[in-house]
């Protein structure tokens, strides 16, 4: 077993299995957009709040099950949260937000 560039490689009898060392994520961005604390998200997906912190910092890679539960909580495809490429290349998430009460207008009277 050794590290080859950005990949962690394990050699078996006739092949090399390589996996990326870095898994980028946008958990903190989605949490902020949805107004969730780490504790709120942790409770929603069934893990310890520290796990969410480890994931956000890149100290821990989620299992497939956990990645899917996180994506399901935000109602987006898992690829919008996790990627093998840095986040600056990803599209910005579209999170529909309800207007604040003072932004709601009655067409004939102005603000409600």
PDB file of N, CA and C in Angstrom:
ATOM      1  N   UNK A   1       0.848  -1.171   0.000  1.00  0.00           N
ATOM      2  CA  UNK A   1       0.000   0.000   0.000  1.00  0.00           C
ATOM      3  C   UNK A   1       0.896   1.238   0.000  1.00  0.00           C
ATOM      4  N   UNK A   2       0.575   2.229  -0.850  1.00  0.00           N
ATOM      5  CA  UNK A   2       1.306   3.485  -0.839  1.00  0.00           C
ATOM      6  C   UNK A   2       0.438   4.591  -1.416  1.00  0.00           C
ATOM      7  N   UNK A   3       0.936   5.803  -1.290  1.00  0.00           N
ATOM      8  CA  UNK A   3       0.222   6.964  -1.815  1.00  0.00           C
ATOM      9  C   UNK A   3       0.885   7.358  -3.127  1.00  0.00           C
ATOM     10  N   UNK A   4       0.102   7.413  -4.194  1.00  0.00           N
ATOM     11  CA  UNK A   4       0.611   7.801  -5.506  1.00  0.00           C
ATOM     12  C   UNK A   4      -0.067   9.105  -5.898  1.00  0.00           C
ATOM     13  N   UNK A   5       0.596  10.219  -5.645  1.00  0.00           N
ATOM     14  CA  UNK A   5      -0.004  11.514  -5.956  1.00  0.00           C
ATOM     15  C   UNK A   5      -1.211  11.773  -5.076  1.00  0.00           C
ATOM     16  N   UNK A   6      -2.346  11.990  -5.708  1.00  0.00           N
ATOM     17  CA  UNK A   6      -3.580  12.266  -4.978  1.00  0.00           C
ATOM     18  C   UNK A   6      -4.374  10.999  -4.707  1.00  0.00           C
ATOM     19  N   UNK A   7      -3.779   9.826  -4.927  1.00  0.00           N
ATOM     20  CA  UNK A   7      -4.519   8.587  -4.785  1.00  0.00           C
ATOM     21  C   UNK A   7      -3.903   7.666  -3.755  1.00  0.00           C
ATOM     22  N   UNK A   8      -4.757   6.950  -3.070  1.00  0.00           N
ATOM     23  CA  UNK A   8      -4.355   5.931  -2.106  1.00  0.00           C
ATOM     24  C   UNK A   8      -4.466   4.598  -2.841  1.00  0.00           C
ATOM     25  N   UNK A   9      -3.343   3.915  -3.039  1.00  0.00           N
ATOM     26  CA  UNK A   9      -3.347   2.690  -3.833  1.00  0.00           C
ATOM     27  C   UNK A   9      -3.057   1.461  -2.979  1.00  0.00           C
ATOM     28  N   UNK A  10      -3.833   0.420  -3.210  1.00  0.00           N
ATOM     29  CA  UNK A  10      -3.639  -0.863  -2.550  1.00  0.00           C
ATOM     30  C   UNK A  10      -3.400  -1.893  -3.646  1.00  0.00           C
ATOM     31  N   UNK A  11      -2.269  -2.578  -3.564  1.00  0.00           N
ATOM     32  CA  UNK A  11      -1.942  -3.576  -4.574  1.00  0.00           C
ATOM     33  C   UNK A  11      -2.372  -4.963  -4.117  1.00  0.00           C
ATOM     34  N   UNK A  12      -3.094  -5.655  -4.984  1.00  0.00           N
ATOM     35  CA  UNK A  12      -3.474  -7.038  -4.707  1.00  0.00           C
ATOM     36  C   UNK A  12      -2.692  -7.912  -5.674  1.00  0.00           C
ATOM     37  N   UNK A  13      -3.050  -9.169  -5.806  1.00  0.00           N
ATOM     38  CA  UNK A  13      -2.294 -10.112  -6.626  1.00  0.00           C
ATOM     39  C   UNK A  13      -2.014  -9.602  -8.042  1.00  0.00           C
ATOM     40  N   UNK A  14      -3.028  -9.245  -8.805  1.00  0.00           N
ATOM     41  CA  UNK A  14      -2.772  -8.784 -10.166  1.00  0.00           C
ATOM     42  C   UNK A  14      -3.295  -7.393 -10.473  1.00  0.00           C
ATOM     43  N   UNK A  15      -3.681  -6.627  -9.497  1.00  0.00           N
ATOM     44  CA  UNK A  15      -4.214  -5.305  -9.832  1.00  0.00           C
ATOM     45  C   UNK A  15      -3.958  -4.290  -8.718  1.00  0.00           C
ATOM     46  N   UNK A  16      -4.113  -3.058  -9.083  1.00  0.00           N
ATOM     47  CA  UNK A  16      -3.948  -1.951  -8.138  1.00  0.00           C
ATOM     48  C   UNK A  16      -5.300  -1.269  -7.993  1.00  0.00           C
ATOM     49  N   UNK A  17      -5.777  -1.154  -6.776  1.00  0.00           N
ATOM     50  CA  UNK A  17      -7.027  -0.454  -6.507  1.00  0.00           C
ATOM     51  C   UNK A  17      -6.687   0.921  -5.959  1.00  0.00           C
ATOM     52  N   UNK A  18      -7.030   1.973  -6.701  1.00  0.00           N
ATOM     53  CA  UNK A  18      -6.705   3.330  -6.281  1.00  0.00           C
ATOM     54  C   UNK A  18      -7.978   4.116  -6.015  1.00  0.00           C
ATOM     55  N   UNK A  19      -7.989   4.829  -4.906  1.00  0.00           N
ATOM     56  CA  UNK A  19      -9.115   5.693  -4.574  1.00  0.00           C
ATOM     57  C   UNK A  19      -8.573   7.092  -4.290  1.00  0.00           C
ATOM     58  N   UNK A  20      -9.342   8.127  -4.620  1.00  0.00           N
ATOM     59  CA  UNK A  20      -8.869   9.492  -4.372  1.00  0.00           C
ATOM     60  C   UNK A  20      -8.688   9.740  -2.872  1.00  0.00           C
ATOM     61  N   UNK A  21      -7.649  10.493  -2.526  1.00  0.00           N
ATOM     62  CA  UNK A  21      -7.403  10.845  -1.135  1.00  0.00           C
ATOM     63  C   UNK A  21      -8.359  11.924  -0.648  1.00  0.00           C
ATOM     64  N   UNK A  22      -8.843  12.763  -1.556  1.00  0.00           N
ATOM     65  CA  UNK A  22      -9.650  13.908  -1.165  1.00  0.00           C
ATOM     66  C   UNK A  22     -11.070  13.764  -1.680  1.00  0.00           C
ATOM     67  N   UNK A  23     -12.023  13.953  -0.794  1.00  0.00           N
ATOM     68  CA  UNK A  23     -13.422  14.012  -1.180  1.00  0.00           C
ATOM     69  C   UNK A  23     -13.923  15.374  -0.727  1.00  0.00           C
ATOM     70  N   UNK A  24     -14.196  16.244  -1.696  1.00  0.00           N
ATOM     71  CA  UNK A  24     -14.664  17.594  -1.385  1.00  0.00           C
ATOM     72  C   UNK A  24     -16.155  17.553  -1.069  1.00  0.00           C
ATOM     73  N   UNK A  25     -16.596  18.499  -0.213  1.00  0.00           N
ATOM     74  CA  UNK A  25     -18.021  18.542   0.089  1.00  0.00           C
ATOM     75  C   UNK A  25     -18.476  19.972   0.326  1.00  0.00           C
ATOM     76  N   UNK A  26     -19.777  20.156   0.232  1.00  0.00           N
ATOM     77  CA  UNK A  26     -20.397  21.464   0.435  1.00  0.00           C
ATOM     78  C   UNK A  26     -21.442  21.388   1.557  1.00  0.00           C
ATOM     79  N   UNK A  27     -21.176  20.557   2.538  1.00  0.00           N
ATOM     80  CA  UNK A  27     -22.139  20.380   3.626  1.00  0.00           C
ATOM     81  C   UNK A  27     -22.372  21.702   4.357  1.00  0.00           C
ATOM     82  N   UNK A  28     -21.310  22.415   4.682  1.00  0.00           N
ATOM     83  CA  UNK A  28     -21.455  23.676   5.431  1.00  0.00           C
ATOM     84  C   UNK A  28     -22.283  24.687   4.642  1.00  0.00           C
ATOM     85  N   UNK A  29     -22.087  24.733   3.335  1.00  0.00           N
ATOM     86  CA  UNK A  29     -22.856  25.661   2.491  1.00  0.00           C
ATOM     87  C   UNK A  29     -24.343  25.310   2.508  1.00  0.00           C
ATOM     88  N   UNK A  30     -24.648  24.033   2.349  1.00  0.00           N
ATOM     89  CA  UNK A  30     -26.049  23.615   2.371  1.00  0.00           C
ATOM     90  C   UNK A  30     -26.667  23.812   3.756  1.00  0.00           C
ATOM     91  N   UNK A  31     -25.891  23.560   4.804  1.00  0.00           N
ATOM     92  CA  UNK A  31     -26.407  23.787   6.161  1.00  0.00           C
ATOM     93  C   UNK A  31     -26.771  25.252   6.348  1.00  0.00           C
ATOM     94  N   UNK A  32     -25.870  26.144   5.911  1.00  0.00           N
ATOM     95  CA  UNK A  32     -26.116  27.583   6.056  1.00  0.00           C
ATOM     96  C   UNK A  32     -27.343  28.008   5.247  1.00  0.00           C
ATOM     97  N   UNK A  33     -27.458  27.502   4.019  1.00  0.00           N
ATOM     98  CA  UNK A  33     -28.606  27.847   3.173  1.00  0.00           C
ATOM     99  C   UNK A  33     -29.925  27.391   3.773  1.00  0.00           C
ATOM    100  N   UNK A  34     -29.889  26.309   4.546  1.00  0.00           N
ATOM    101  CA  UNK A  34     -31.106  25.775   5.153  1.00  0.00           C
ATOM    102  C   UNK A  34     -31.267  26.188   6.614  1.00  0.00           C
ATOM    103  N   UNK A  35     -30.332  26.980   7.124  1.00  0.00           N
ATOM    104  CA  UNK A  35     -30.422  27.442   8.498  1.00  0.00           C
ATOM    105  C   UNK A  35     -30.291  26.341   9.532  1.00  0.00           C
ATOM    106  N   UNK A  36     -29.457  25.344   9.242  1.00  0.00           N
ATOM    107  CA  UNK A  36     -29.279  24.209  10.153  1.00  0.00           C
ATOM    108  C   UNK A  36     -27.955  24.296  10.899  1.00  0.00           C
ATOM    109  N   UNK A  37     -27.964  23.909  12.148  1.00  0.00           N
ATOM    110  CA  UNK A  37     -26.722  23.757  12.896  1.00  0.00           C
ATOM    111  C   UNK A  37     -26.160  22.366  12.608  1.00  0.00           C
ATOM    112  N   UNK A  38     -24.937  22.122  13.037  1.00  0.00           N
ATOM    113  CA  UNK A  38     -24.375  20.776  12.891  1.00  0.00           C
ATOM    114  C   UNK A  38     -25.220  19.772  13.652  1.00  0.00           C
ATOM    115  N   UNK A  39     -25.687  20.173  14.825  1.00  0.00           N
ATOM    116  CA  UNK A  39     -26.524  19.286  15.630  1.00  0.00           C
ATOM    117  C   UNK A  39     -27.823  18.955  14.907  1.00  0.00           C
ATOM    118  N   UNK A  40     -28.464  19.960  14.291  1.00  0.00           N
ATOM    119  CA  UNK A  40     -29.716  19.734  13.558  1.00  0.00           C
ATOM    120  C   UNK A  40     -29.514  18.715  12.435  1.00  0.00           C
ATOM    121  N   UNK A  41     -28.446  18.912  11.652  1.00  0.00           N
ATOM    122  CA  UNK A  41     -28.185  17.992  10.542  1.00  0.00           C
ATOM    123  C   UNK A  41     -27.845  16.601  11.067  1.00  0.00           C
ATOM    124  N   UNK A  42     -27.043  16.546  12.119  1.00  0.00           N
ATOM    125  CA  UNK A  42     -26.659  15.253  12.700  1.00  0.00           C
ATOM    126  C   UNK A  42     -27.889  14.472  13.146  1.00  0.00           C
ATOM    127  N   UNK A  43     -28.815  15.141  13.814  1.00  0.00           N
ATOM    128  CA  UNK A  43     -30.044  14.471  14.255  1.00  0.00           C
ATOM    129  C   UNK A  43     -30.873  14.000  13.068  1.00  0.00           C
ATOM    130  N   UNK A  44     -30.916  14.803  12.006  1.00  0.00           N
ATOM    131  CA  UNK A  44     -31.711  14.453  10.827  1.00  0.00           C
ATOM    132  C   UNK A  44     -31.176  13.222  10.100  1.00  0.00           C
ATOM    133  N   UNK A  45     -29.845  13.026  10.142  1.00  0.00           N
ATOM    134  CA  UNK A  45     -29.253  11.896   9.408  1.00  0.00           C
ATOM    135  C   UNK A  45     -28.775  10.779  10.325  1.00  0.00           C
ATOM    136  N   UNK A  46     -28.956  10.948  11.639  1.00  0.00           N
ATOM    137  CA  UNK A  46     -28.657   9.875  12.576  1.00  0.00           C
ATOM    138  C   UNK A  46     -27.204   9.667  12.927  1.00  0.00           C
ATOM    139  N   UNK A  47     -26.440  10.770  13.058  1.00  0.00           N
ATOM    140  CA  UNK A  47     -25.039  10.650  13.470  1.00  0.00           C
ATOM    141  C   UNK A  47     -24.761  11.641  14.597  1.00  0.00           C
ATOM    142  N   UNK A  48     -23.551  11.562  15.152  1.00  0.00           N
ATOM    143  CA  UNK A  48     -23.103  12.481  16.183  1.00  0.00           C
ATOM    144  C   UNK A  48     -22.765  13.828  15.531  1.00  0.00           C
ATOM    145  N   UNK A  49     -23.031  14.965  16.180  1.00  0.00           N
ATOM    146  CA  UNK A  49     -22.674  16.268  15.610  1.00  0.00           C
ATOM    147  C   UNK A  49     -21.187  16.392  15.265  1.00  0.00           C
ATOM    148  N   UNK A  50     -20.318  15.705  16.028  1.00  0.00           N
ATOM    149  CA  UNK A  50     -18.886  15.735  15.703  1.00  0.00           C
ATOM    150  C   UNK A  50     -18.616  15.148  14.328  1.00  0.00           C
ATOM    151  N   UNK A  51     -19.404  14.160  13.936  1.00  0.00           N
ATOM    152  CA  UNK A  51     -19.235  13.543  12.617  1.00  0.00           C
ATOM    153  C   UNK A  51     -19.448  14.571  11.519  1.00  0.00           C
ATOM    154  N   UNK A  52     -20.451  15.427  11.679  1.00  0.00           N
ATOM    155  CA  UNK A  52     -20.704  16.467  10.679  1.00  0.00           C
ATOM    156  C   UNK A  52     -19.501  17.402  10.594  1.00  0.00           C
ATOM    157  N   UNK A  53     -18.928  17.759  11.728  1.00  0.00           N
ATOM    158  CA  UNK A  53     -17.723  18.596  11.735  1.00  0.00           C
ATOM    159  C   UNK A  53     -16.562  17.921  11.026  1.00  0.00           C
ATOM    160  N   UNK A  54     -16.356  16.636  11.305  1.00  0.00           N
ATOM    161  CA  UNK A  54     -15.276  15.884  10.641  1.00  0.00           C
ATOM    162  C   UNK A  54     -15.488  15.852   9.129  1.00  0.00           C
ATOM    163  N   UNK A  55     -16.732  15.653   8.711  1.00  0.00           N
ATOM    164  CA  UNK A  55     -17.037  15.630   7.280  1.00  0.00           C
ATOM    165  C   UNK A  55     -16.752  16.981   6.639  1.00  0.00           C
ATOM    166  N   UNK A  56     -17.232  18.051   7.267  1.00  0.00           N
ATOM    167  CA  UNK A  56     -17.048  19.389   6.701  1.00  0.00           C
ATOM    168  C   UNK A  56     -15.578  19.756   6.565  1.00  0.00           C
ATOM    169  N   UNK A  57     -14.751  19.348   7.510  1.00  0.00           N
ATOM    170  CA  UNK A  57     -13.316  19.644   7.461  1.00  0.00           C
ATOM    171  C   UNK A  57     -12.547  18.704   6.542  1.00  0.00           C
ATOM    172  N   UNK A  58     -13.184  17.632   6.098  1.00  0.00           N
ATOM    173  CA  UNK A  58     -12.498  16.665   5.250  1.00  0.00           C
ATOM    174  C   UNK A  58     -11.677  15.663   6.034  1.00  0.00           C
ATOM    175  N   UNK A  59     -11.900  15.591   7.353  1.00  0.00           N
ATOM    176  CA  UNK A  59     -11.169  14.633   8.184  1.00  0.00           C
ATOM    177  C   UNK A  59     -11.736  13.224   8.067  1.00  0.00           C
ATOM    178  N   UNK A  60     -12.905  13.104   7.508  1.00  0.00           N
ATOM    179  CA  UNK A  60     -13.619  11.827   7.457  1.00  0.00           C
ATOM    180  C   UNK A  60     -14.393  11.752   6.152  1.00  0.00           C
ATOM    181  N   UNK A  61     -14.375  10.590   5.514  1.00  0.00           N
ATOM    182  CA  UNK A  61     -15.171  10.373   4.308  1.00  0.00           C
ATOM    183  C   UNK A  61     -16.434   9.614   4.714  1.00  0.00           C
ATOM    184  N   UNK A  62     -17.594  10.061   4.238  1.00  0.00           N
ATOM    185  CA  UNK A  62     -18.823   9.386   4.647  1.00  0.00           C
ATOM    186  C   UNK A  62     -18.996   8.048   3.941  1.00  0.00           C
ATOM    187  N   UNK A  63     -19.731   7.163   4.574  1.00  0.00           N
ATOM    188  CA  UNK A  63     -20.132   5.932   3.893  1.00  0.00           C
ATOM    189  C   UNK A  63     -21.121   6.335   2.804  1.00  0.00           C
ATOM    190  N   UNK A  64     -21.375   5.457   1.876  1.00  0.00           N
ATOM    191  CA  UNK A  64     -22.356   5.733   0.829  1.00  0.00           C
ATOM    192  C   UNK A  64     -23.719   5.997   1.458  1.00  0.00           C
ATOM    193  N   UNK A  65     -24.070   5.211   2.449  1.00  0.00           N
ATOM    194  CA  UNK A  65     -25.344   5.368   3.139  1.00  0.00           C
ATOM    195  C   UNK A  65     -25.476   6.767   3.743  1.00  0.00           C
ATOM    196  N   UNK A  66     -24.442   7.228   4.447  1.00  0.00           N
ATOM    197  CA  UNK A  66     -24.495   8.546   5.069  1.00  0.00           C
ATOM    198  C   UNK A  66     -24.535   9.657   4.023  1.00  0.00           C
ATOM    199  N   UNK A  67     -23.749   9.534   2.967  1.00  0.00           N
ATOM    200  CA  UNK A  67     -23.763  10.548   1.902  1.00  0.00           C
ATOM    201  C   UNK A  67     -25.153  10.663   1.290  1.00  0.00           C
ATOM    202  N   UNK A  68     -25.808   9.531   1.076  1.00  0.00           N
ATOM    203  CA  UNK A  68     -27.157   9.555   0.504  1.00  0.00           C
ATOM    204  C   UNK A  68     -28.170  10.149   1.473  1.00  0.00           C
ATOM    205  N   UNK A  69     -28.028   9.862   2.773  1.00  0.00           N
ATOM    206  CA  UNK A  69     -28.948  10.447   3.760  1.00  0.00           C
ATOM    207  C   UNK A  69     -28.784  11.961   3.835  1.00  0.00           C
ATOM    208  N   UNK A  70     -27.550  12.441   3.743  1.00  0.00           N
ATOM    209  CA  UNK A  70     -27.309  13.889   3.763  1.00  0.00           C
ATOM    210  C   UNK A  70     -27.924  14.534   2.523  1.00  0.00           C
ATOM    211  N   UNK A  71     -27.698  13.935   1.357  1.00  0.00           N
ATOM    212  CA  UNK A  71     -28.275  14.476   0.124  1.00  0.00           C
ATOM    213  C   UNK A  71     -29.803  14.462   0.182  1.00  0.00           C
ATOM    214  N   UNK A  72     -30.362  13.400   0.728  1.00  0.00           N
ATOM    215  CA  UNK A  72     -31.818  13.302   0.852  1.00  0.00           C
ATOM    216  C   UNK A  72     -32.361  14.391   1.776  1.00  0.00           C
ATOM    217  N   UNK A  73     -31.645  14.691   2.853  1.00  0.00           N
ATOM    218  CA  UNK A  73     -32.092  15.740   3.790  1.00  0.00           C
ATOM    219  C   UNK A  73     -32.205  17.088   3.092  1.00  0.00           C
ATOM    220  N   UNK A  74     -31.275  17.362   2.152  1.00  0.00           N
ATOM    221  CA  UNK A  74     -31.294  18.633   1.432  1.00  0.00           C
ATOM    222  C   UNK A  74     -32.065  18.543   0.113  1.00  0.00           C
ATOM    223  N   UNK A  75     -32.603  17.370  -0.192  1.00  0.00           N
ATOM    224  CA  UNK A  75     -33.396  17.126  -1.407  1.00  0.00           C
ATOM    225  C   UNK A  75     -32.636  17.504  -2.681  1.00  0.00           C
ATOM    226  N   UNK A  76     -31.368  17.076  -2.749  1.00  0.00           N
ATOM    227  CA  UNK A  76     -30.539  17.315  -3.931  1.00  0.00           C
ATOM    228  C   UNK A  76     -29.792  16.025  -4.272  1.00  0.00           C
ATOM    229  N   UNK A  77     -29.314  15.908  -5.513  1.00  0.00           N
ATOM    230  CA  UNK A  77     -28.484  14.745  -5.861  1.00  0.00           C
ATOM    231  C   UNK A  77     -27.187  14.760  -5.046  1.00  0.00           C
ATOM    232  N   UNK A  78     -26.694  13.610  -4.701  1.00  0.00           N
ATOM    233  CA  UNK A  78     -25.489  13.489  -3.878  1.00  0.00           C
ATOM    234  C   UNK A  78     -24.301  14.208  -4.534  1.00  0.00           C
ATOM    235  N   UNK A  79     -24.273  14.302  -5.868  1.00  0.00           N
ATOM    236  CA  UNK A  79     -23.162  14.951  -6.572  1.00  0.00           C
ATOM    237  C   UNK A  79     -23.099  16.451  -6.307  1.00  0.00           C
ATOM    238  N   UNK A  80     -24.198  17.053  -5.870  1.00  0.00           N
ATOM    239  CA  UNK A  80     -24.159  18.482  -5.551  1.00  0.00           C
ATOM    240  C   UNK A  80     -23.501  18.739  -4.203  1.00  0.00           C
ATOM    241  N   UNK A  81     -23.399  17.728  -3.381  1.00  0.00           N
ATOM    242  CA  UNK A  81     -22.788  17.895  -2.057  1.00  0.00           C
ATOM    243  C   UNK A  81     -21.366  17.349  -2.027  1.00  0.00           C
ATOM    244  N   UNK A  82     -21.134  16.210  -2.669  1.00  0.00           N
ATOM    245  CA  UNK A  82     -19.828  15.561  -2.636  1.00  0.00           C
ATOM    246  C   UNK A  82     -19.233  15.479  -4.036  1.00  0.00           C
ATOM    247  N   UNK A  83     -17.907  15.693  -4.122  1.00  0.00           N
ATOM    248  CA  UNK A  83     -17.236  15.641  -5.420  1.00  0.00           C
ATOM    249  C   UNK A  83     -15.758  15.321  -5.245  1.00  0.00           C
ATOM    250  N   UNK A  84     -15.149  14.840  -6.310  1.00  0.00           N
ATOM    251  CA  UNK A  84     -13.707  14.592  -6.323  1.00  0.00           C
ATOM    252  C   UNK A  84     -12.946  15.819  -6.797  1.00  0.00           C
ATOM    253  N   UNK A  85     -13.668  16.864  -7.218  1.00  0.00           N
ATOM    254  CA  UNK A  85     -13.047  18.114  -7.659  1.00  0.00           C
ATOM    255  C   UNK A  85     -13.388  19.231  -6.672  1.00  0.00           C
ATOM    256  N   UNK A  86     -12.536  20.250  -6.580  1.00  0.00           N
ATOM    257  CA  UNK A  86     -12.810  21.356  -5.654  1.00  0.00           C
ATOM    258  C   UNK A  86     -14.125  22.060  -5.953  1.00  0.00           C
ATOM    259  N   UNK A  87     -14.738  22.615  -4.913  1.00  0.00           N
ATOM    260  CA  UNK A  87     -16.077  23.185  -5.018  1.00  0.00           C
ATOM    261  C   UNK A  87     -16.174  24.410  -5.910  1.00  0.00           C
ATOM    262  N   UNK A  88     -15.075  25.136  -6.168  1.00  0.00           N
ATOM    263  CA  UNK A  88     -15.192  26.328  -6.989  1.00  0.00           C
ATOM    264  C   UNK A  88     -15.588  26.006  -8.434  1.00  0.00           C
ATOM    265  N   UNK A  89     -15.544  24.759  -8.814  1.00  0.00           N
ATOM    266  CA  UNK A  89     -15.938  24.350 -10.163  1.00  0.00           C
ATOM    267  C   UNK A  89     -17.392  23.889 -10.236  1.00  0.00           C
ATOM    268  N   UNK A  90     -18.058  23.781  -9.102  1.00  0.00           N
ATOM    269  CA  UNK A  90     -19.419  23.271  -9.067  1.00  0.00           C
ATOM    270  C   UNK A  90     -20.413  24.397  -9.258  1.00  0.00           C
ATOM    271  N   UNK A  91     -21.593  24.080  -9.785  1.00  0.00           N
ATOM    272  CA  UNK A  91     -22.635  25.103  -9.866  1.00  0.00           C
ATOM    273  C   UNK A  91     -23.128  25.466  -8.474  1.00  0.00           C
ATOM    274  N   UNK A  92     -23.583  26.685  -8.332  1.00  0.00           N
ATOM    275  CA  UNK A  92     -24.129  27.144  -7.058  1.00  0.00           C
ATOM    276  C   UNK A  92     -25.462  26.463  -6.812  1.00  0.00           C
ATOM    277  N   UNK A  93     -25.708  25.978  -5.602  1.00  0.00           N
ATOM    278  CA  UNK A  93     -26.985  25.309  -5.338  1.00  0.00           C
ATOM    279  C   UNK A  93     -28.139  26.302  -5.382  1.00  0.00           C
ATOM    280  N   UNK A  94     -29.250  25.840  -5.873  1.00  0.00           N
ATOM    281  CA  UNK A  94     -30.458  26.657  -5.891  1.00  0.00           C
ATOM    282  C   UNK A  94     -31.334  26.180  -4.747  1.00  0.00           C
ATOM    283  N   UNK A  95     -31.472  27.014  -3.764  1.00  0.00           N
ATOM    284  CA  UNK A  95     -32.304  26.675  -2.627  1.00  0.00           C
ATOM    285  C   UNK A  95     -33.421  27.702  -2.586  1.00  0.00           C
ATOM    286  N   UNK A  96     -34.642  27.240  -2.822  1.00  0.00           N
ATOM    287  CA  UNK A  96     -35.786  28.150  -2.824  1.00  0.00           C
ATOM    288  C   UNK A  96     -36.049  28.614  -1.400  1.00  0.00           C
ATOM    289  N   UNK A  97     -36.143  29.919  -1.242  1.00  0.00           N
ATOM    290  CA  UNK A  97     -36.433  30.481   0.066  1.00  0.00           C
ATOM    291  C   UNK A  97     -37.733  31.265  -0.017  1.00  0.00           C
ATOM    292  N   UNK A  98     -38.500  31.181   1.046  1.00  0.00           N
ATOM    293  CA  UNK A  98     -39.737  31.950   1.093  1.00  0.00           C
ATOM    294  C   UNK A  98     -39.397  33.401   1.382  1.00  0.00           C
ATOM    295  N   UNK A  99     -40.108  34.356   0.754  1.00  0.00           N
ATOM    296  CA  UNK A  99     -39.824  35.764   1.030  1.00  0.00           C
ATOM    297  C   UNK A  99     -40.198  36.107   2.468  1.00  0.00           C
ATOM    298  N   UNK A 100     -39.475  37.058   3.022  1.00  0.00           N
ATOM    299  CA  UNK A 100     -39.801  37.538   4.364  1.00  0.00           C
ATOM    300  C   UNK A 100     -41.157  38.229   4.306  1.00  0.00           C
ATOM    301  N   UNK A 101     -41.850  38.292   5.435  1.00  0.00           N
ATOM    302  CA  UNK A 101     -43.192  38.857   5.463  1.00  0.00           C
ATOM    303  C   UNK A 101     -43.223  40.273   4.897  1.00  0.00           C
ATOM    304  N   UNK A 102     -42.198  41.088   5.203  1.00  0.00           N
ATOM    305  CA  UNK A 102     -42.213  42.465   4.710  1.00  0.00           C
ATOM    306  C   UNK A 102     -41.873  42.567   3.224  1.00  0.00           C
ATOM    307  N   UNK A 103     -41.502  41.435   2.581  1.00  0.00           N
ATOM    308  CA  UNK A 103     -41.233  41.439   1.146  1.00  0.00           C
ATOM    309  C   UNK A 103     -42.464  41.035   0.347  1.00  0.00           C
ATOM    310  N   UNK A 104     -43.504  40.562   1.012  1.00  0.00           N
ATOM    311  CA  UNK A 104     -44.715  40.136   0.311  1.00  0.00           C
ATOM    312  C   UNK A 104     -45.534  41.370  -0.003  1.00  0.00           C
ATOM    313  N   UNK A 105     -45.921  41.487  -1.256  1.00  0.00           N
ATOM    314  CA  UNK A 105     -46.669  42.670  -1.686  1.00  0.00           C
ATOM    315  C   UNK A 105     -48.036  42.269  -2.222  1.00  0.00           C
ATOM    316  N   UNK A 106     -48.993  43.091  -1.936  1.00  0.00           N
ATOM    317  CA  UNK A 106     -50.326  42.941  -2.524  1.00  0.00           C
ATOM    318  C   UNK A 106     -50.282  43.767  -3.790  1.00  0.00           C
ATOM    319  N   UNK A 107     -50.577  43.180  -4.975  1.00  0.00           N
ATOM    320  CA  UNK A 107     -50.423  43.894  -6.247  1.00  0.00           C
ATOM    321  C   UNK A 107     -51.101  45.262  -6.280  1.00  0.00           C
ATOM    322  N   UNK A 108     -52.215  45.439  -5.618  1.00  0.00           N
ATOM    323  CA  UNK A 108     -52.918  46.725  -5.683  1.00  0.00           C
ATOM    324  C   UNK A 108     -52.562  47.669  -4.560  1.00  0.00           C
ATOM    325  N   UNK A 109     -51.902  47.236  -3.510  1.00  0.00           N
ATOM    326  CA  UNK A 109     -51.710  48.071  -2.344  1.00  0.00           C
ATOM    327  C   UNK A 109     -50.258  48.231  -1.892  1.00  0.00           C
ATOM    328  N   UNK A 110     -49.338  47.626  -2.575  1.00  0.00           N
ATOM    329  CA  UNK A 110     -47.963  47.695  -2.104  1.00  0.00           C
ATOM    330  C   UNK A 110     -47.691  46.618  -1.086  1.00  0.00           C
ATOM    331  N   UNK A 111     -46.974  46.928  -0.032  1.00  0.00           N
ATOM    332  CA  UNK A 111     -46.638  45.927   0.994  1.00  0.00           C
ATOM    333  C   UNK A 111     -47.853  45.528   1.802  1.00  0.00           C
ATOM    334  N   UNK A 112     -47.854  44.278   2.237  1.00  0.00           N
ATOM    335  CA  UNK A 112     -48.942  43.769   3.071  1.00  0.00           C
ATOM    336  C   UNK A 112     -48.675  44.118   4.508  1.00  0.00           C
TER     337      UNK A 112
END
